[in-house]
Protein backbone atom coordinates (compact mmCIF):
# COMPACT_ATOMS: atom_id res chain seq x y z
CA MET A 1 -20.00 -10.15 -3.08
CA PRO A 2 -19.12 -9.24 0.60
CA ASN A 3 -19.70 -5.74 1.76
CA TYR A 4 -16.52 -4.60 3.62
CA LEU A 5 -17.16 -2.15 6.33
CA ARG A 6 -14.06 -0.12 7.25
CA TYR A 7 -13.56 1.90 10.38
CA ARG A 8 -12.85 5.43 9.26
CA VAL A 9 -11.64 8.24 11.42
CA PRO A 10 -11.21 11.62 9.63
CA GLY A 11 -7.72 12.69 10.17
CA GLY A 12 -6.80 9.29 11.56
CA CYS A 13 -3.71 7.22 11.42
CA TYR A 14 -3.88 3.82 9.57
CA PHE A 15 -1.77 0.74 9.15
CA PHE A 16 -2.04 -1.14 5.76
CA THR A 17 -0.85 -4.21 4.19
CA VAL A 18 -1.07 -4.42 0.42
CA ASN A 19 -0.17 -7.63 -1.38
CA LEU A 20 0.63 -8.50 -4.96
CA LEU A 21 -1.79 -10.94 -6.49
CA GLU A 22 1.01 -13.34 -7.42
CA ARG A 23 3.22 -13.32 -4.31
CA PHE A 24 5.58 -16.16 -4.63
CA PRO A 25 8.25 -15.79 -6.14
CA ASN A 26 7.85 -12.07 -7.08
CA GLY A 27 10.42 -9.39 -6.54
CA THR A 28 8.71 -6.64 -8.69
CA LEU A 29 8.28 -4.12 -5.87
CA ILE A 30 11.95 -4.38 -4.97
CA ARG A 31 13.19 -4.23 -8.58
CA HIS A 32 11.06 -1.13 -9.17
CA VAL A 33 11.26 0.66 -5.87
CA ASP A 34 12.36 3.95 -7.67
CA LEU A 35 9.06 3.88 -9.54
CA LEU A 36 7.14 3.07 -6.37
CA ARG A 37 8.80 6.14 -4.58
CA ALA A 38 7.94 8.34 -7.55
CA VAL A 39 4.29 7.30 -7.66
CA VAL A 40 3.92 7.80 -3.79
CA ARG A 41 5.41 11.31 -4.17
CA ASP A 42 2.92 11.99 -7.02
CA VAL A 43 -0.06 10.75 -5.08
CA ARG A 44 1.03 12.70 -1.96
CA ARG A 45 1.05 15.91 -3.84
CA ARG A 46 -2.61 15.64 -4.88
CA TRP A 47 -3.93 13.66 -1.86
CA PRO A 48 -1.66 14.54 1.12
CA PHE A 49 -0.79 12.19 3.84
CA VAL A 50 2.11 11.75 6.30
CA ILE A 51 4.13 8.51 6.19
CA ASP A 52 4.91 7.29 9.77
CA GLY A 53 6.33 3.97 8.57
CA TRP A 54 6.76 2.12 5.37
CA VAL A 55 8.40 -1.16 4.36
CA VAL A 56 8.58 -2.49 0.82
CA LEU A 57 9.11 -6.27 0.54
CA PRO A 58 9.44 -8.19 -2.72
CA ASP A 59 5.80 -9.23 -2.81
CA HIS A 60 3.88 -6.84 -0.40
CA LEU A 61 4.22 -3.73 1.52
CA HIS A 62 3.25 -2.24 4.90
CA ALA A 63 2.56 1.35 5.60
CA VAL A 64 1.44 3.60 8.36
CA TRP A 65 -0.21 6.74 7.07
CA ARG A 66 -1.64 9.82 8.94
CA LEU A 67 -4.33 11.67 6.88
CA PRO A 68 -5.03 15.33 7.03
CA GLU A 69 -7.58 16.69 9.48
CA GLY A 70 -11.18 15.88 8.33
CA ASP A 71 -10.00 13.45 5.70
CA ASP A 72 -10.69 9.71 5.81
CA GLY A 73 -9.97 8.90 2.18
CA TYR A 74 -7.25 6.23 2.55
CA SER A 75 -9.05 3.91 0.08
CA THR A 76 -8.92 6.48 -2.72
CA ARG A 77 -5.23 7.08 -2.11
CA LEU A 78 -4.41 3.31 -2.15
CA GLN A 79 -6.54 2.72 -5.34
CA ILE A 80 -4.84 5.68 -7.15
CA PHE A 81 -1.34 4.52 -5.96
CA LYS A 82 -1.98 1.01 -7.13
CA ARG A 83 -3.41 2.05 -10.54
CA ARG A 84 -0.54 4.47 -11.28
CA PHE A 85 2.17 2.08 -10.28
CA THR A 86 0.67 -0.67 -12.48
CA LYS A 87 0.14 1.68 -15.48
CA THR A 88 3.66 3.04 -15.30
CA LEU A 89 4.97 -0.56 -15.22
CA GLN A 90 3.00 -1.20 -18.38
CA ILE A 91 4.53 1.92 -19.96
CA ARG A 92 7.94 0.68 -19.06
CA ASP A 93 7.17 -2.63 -20.83
CA VAL A 94 7.37 -4.67 -17.55
CA PRO A 95 5.09 -7.74 -17.99
CA VAL A 96 1.91 -7.33 -15.86
CA PRO A 97 -0.40 -10.32 -15.52
CA TRP A 98 -3.96 -9.83 -16.45
CA ARG A 99 -7.20 -11.08 -14.78
CA GLY A 100 -9.89 -12.50 -16.96
CA GLU A 101 -12.10 -9.43 -16.61
CA GLY A 102 -9.71 -7.29 -18.69
CA GLU A 103 -7.98 -5.60 -15.80
CA PRO A 104 -4.37 -5.99 -14.62
CA GLY A 105 -3.81 -8.65 -12.16
CA PHE A 106 -0.81 -7.17 -10.52
CA TRP A 107 -2.24 -6.20 -6.98
CA ALA A 108 -4.48 -8.18 -4.81
CA ARG A 109 -8.00 -6.52 -5.06
CA ARG A 110 -8.35 -6.12 -1.30
CA PHE A 111 -5.96 -4.63 1.33
CA TRP A 112 -5.73 -5.11 4.93
CA GLU A 113 -6.32 -1.95 7.08
CA HIS A 114 -6.19 -1.14 10.83
CA THR A 115 -7.18 2.12 12.30
CA ILE A 116 -4.60 3.21 14.82
CA ARG A 117 -6.29 3.90 18.22
CA ASP A 118 -3.61 5.42 20.39
CA ASP A 119 0.21 6.05 20.86
CA HIS A 120 0.85 2.52 22.04
CA ASP A 121 -1.05 1.11 19.02
CA LEU A 122 1.09 3.37 16.73
CA ARG A 123 4.28 2.23 18.26
CA THR A 124 3.26 -1.46 18.00
CA HIS A 125 2.48 -1.07 14.30
CA VAL A 126 5.55 0.97 13.38
CA ASP A 127 7.65 -1.75 15.22
CA TYR A 128 5.89 -4.32 13.03
CA VAL A 129 6.91 -2.42 9.94
CA HIS A 130 10.47 -2.43 11.22
CA TYR A 131 10.44 -6.12 12.10
CA ASN A 132 8.56 -7.65 9.17
CA PRO A 133 11.65 -7.84 6.79
CA VAL A 134 13.51 -9.76 9.62
CA LYS A 135 10.51 -12.05 9.83
CA HIS A 136 10.77 -12.73 6.03
CA GLY A 137 14.48 -13.49 6.30
CA LEU A 138 15.54 -10.11 4.63
């Protein structure tokens, strides 16, 4: 199994892309955006972060987060967010696919992350968040 090295900056700003495992056609994120918002609020209470940009598309999402000073735990936040969203879907009796290993197969296991380097990089990635729905015809 590959060993992914992530560039971590305590108190840094990060851009993420998080995909559903079964992307096409899938509108689960849009249909349950109220739940997604509630889970994000819940995670932010325990593991704070500032949202500089966020877009939810039918089968994936993009986000720009700024972490508290001295904190580089974005992976933990994403893991908890994904787990709680999936569990709550199951509680609401929404069908969630399963992997062969006995775990829900809702989210792709990996996510794409980019550490924001400067103000120009931040503007570029926030612009990407705004443009991405247009790119997908939404």
